Protein backbone atom coordinates (compact mmCIF):
# COMPACT_ATOMS: atom_id res chain seq x y z
CA MET A 1 9.95 -17.39 -6.31
CA ASN A 2 10.79 -13.79 -7.18
CA GLU A 3 11.86 -11.56 -4.35
CA ARG A 4 10.29 -8.16 -3.93
CA PRO A 5 12.55 -5.17 -4.43
CA ASP A 6 13.82 -3.51 -1.29
CA VAL A 7 11.34 -1.00 0.09
CA GLN A 8 13.93 1.72 -0.47
CA ALA A 9 13.63 1.06 -4.21
CA LEU A 10 9.98 2.19 -4.24
CA SER A 11 9.14 5.50 -5.90
CA GLY A 12 8.04 8.45 -3.80
CA VAL A 13 4.41 7.92 -4.82
CA ASP A 14 4.57 4.19 -4.04
CA THR A 15 6.16 4.92 -0.66
CA ASP A 16 3.43 7.45 0.18
CA VAL A 17 0.70 5.03 -0.87
CA TYR A 18 2.26 2.11 1.03
CA GLU A 19 2.60 4.26 4.16
CA ALA A 20 -1.06 5.29 3.91
CA VAL A 21 -2.14 1.63 3.65
CA SER A 22 0.15 0.78 6.59
CA GLY A 23 -1.33 3.57 8.68
CA LEU A 24 -4.83 2.25 8.09
CA ALA A 25 -3.64 -1.29 8.89
CA VAL A 26 -2.40 -0.09 12.29
CA GLN A 27 -5.97 1.07 12.92
CA GLY A 28 -7.26 -2.37 11.87
CA ARG A 29 -8.76 -0.96 8.66
CA ARG A 30 -8.55 -1.91 5.00
CA ALA A 31 -7.50 0.84 2.59
CA THR A 32 -9.78 2.00 -0.20
CA VAL A 33 -8.61 4.05 -3.16
CA ALA A 34 -10.56 7.06 -1.88
CA GLU A 35 -9.05 6.84 1.63
CA VAL A 36 -5.51 6.55 0.28
CA ALA A 37 -6.08 9.41 -2.17
CA HIS A 38 -7.34 11.58 0.70
CA ALA A 39 -4.44 10.61 2.98
CA THR A 40 -1.78 11.23 0.33
CA ASP A 41 -3.41 14.16 -1.50
CA LEU A 42 -2.87 12.28 -4.78
CA PRO A 43 -5.38 11.82 -7.61
CA GLU A 44 -7.38 8.58 -7.37
CA GLU A 45 -6.04 7.33 -10.73
CA THR A 46 -2.44 7.77 -9.50
CA VAL A 47 -3.31 5.94 -6.28
CA ARG A 48 -5.03 3.14 -8.21
CA ARG A 49 -1.95 2.61 -10.43
CA SER A 50 0.32 2.57 -7.39
CA LEU A 51 -1.93 0.15 -5.47
CA ASP A 52 -2.03 -2.16 -8.49
CA GLY A 53 1.77 -2.05 -8.85
CA LEU A 54 2.33 -2.65 -5.14
CA THR A 55 -0.12 -5.56 -5.27
CA GLU A 56 1.61 -7.05 -8.32
CA ALA A 57 4.96 -6.79 -6.51
CA GLY A 58 3.52 -8.51 -3.42
CA TRP A 59 3.72 -5.54 -1.05
CA LEU A 60 -0.08 -5.37 -0.80
CA LYS A 61 -3.00 -7.74 -1.29
CA ALA A 62 -6.37 -6.89 -2.77
CA ALA A 63 -9.24 -7.53 -0.36
CA GLY A 64 -12.41 -6.98 -2.35
CA THR A 65 -12.48 -3.29 -3.23
CA ALA A 66 -9.83 -2.47 -0.62
CA TYR A 67 -6.18 -3.27 0.04
CA VAL A 68 -4.25 -4.74 2.96
CA LEU A 69 -0.57 -5.31 3.66
CA GLY A 70 0.96 -8.31 1.96
CA PRO A 71 3.07 -10.88 3.77
CA HIS A 72 6.06 -9.39 5.53
CA GLY A 73 8.63 -10.41 8.10
CA TRP A 74 8.38 -7.39 10.35
CA GLY A 75 5.86 -6.17 12.87
CA LEU A 76 4.18 -2.84 13.34
CA GLU A 77 4.68 -1.41 16.78
CA TYR A 78 3.23 1.94 17.74
């Protein structure tokens, strides 16, 4: 099984996109491309590429037309 790269190895765009998805997850929501684009002020195509890359790396999971956090060993506490 391949290990995911450390979160600190993510690009600035990927970090922004991941944080937007995480923020929606805290609210109990799934992240759509449009919501992430709005939250990050990035073009939808850039967001889509980032979401696809983060999904391929295992950081996120596709859930229909939205995205959710992938498996992780840490909790979100706010």
